[in-house]
């Protein structure tokens, strides 16, 4: 009877070790997936902050200058388009991320045209509210860069974990896309007066 106990005990111990090992892999995969979702939330929050500031900036500009209506309209439309694109971080695809990135690029482009156009309005440039909003926007752009960088770092950690052998044998998670620069971002912005 004791001869049977040793092999059965070894088999039970091996099954327990493999079970705990696979549970550890799944739990770590879940934690890394949640880290990516958290970082995506940070990205969304910084973009939302920028969109909120743009509304205030547009109202300040409208109130302080006889301004080009087409420039303000472009900023308002770009902001509306950017806020209409939503992404579920748990099922994000490269196409969705590219669409989101393109919408946010439209905001950046129209906002930079607005700020360049403002140079023609000395009273607006001296407006304390406008200057404060301009500083807030610059700060927000830095926060967006930081949030996107941290998101890409979390995605790298997550993708590396779920794609590694033997982890990919136990996990059913899909690889997540990175934020990439929009087309033409490598070229300098042309400023015309």
Foldseek 3Di string as FASTA:
>chain_A
DVVVVVVVVVVVVVVVVVVVVLVVLVVVLVVLLVQLQVLVVLLVVLLVLLLVLLVVLLVLDVVFDPDDPVLSVQLVVLSVLLVVQDDRSQDDDPVSLLSNLVSVVSNVVSVVLVVLRCVVPVRSVPDPSNVVSVVVNVVSVVSNVVSLVSSQVSLVVSQVSCVDPPSVVSDPGDRHDHRDHHPPPVPDDDRDD
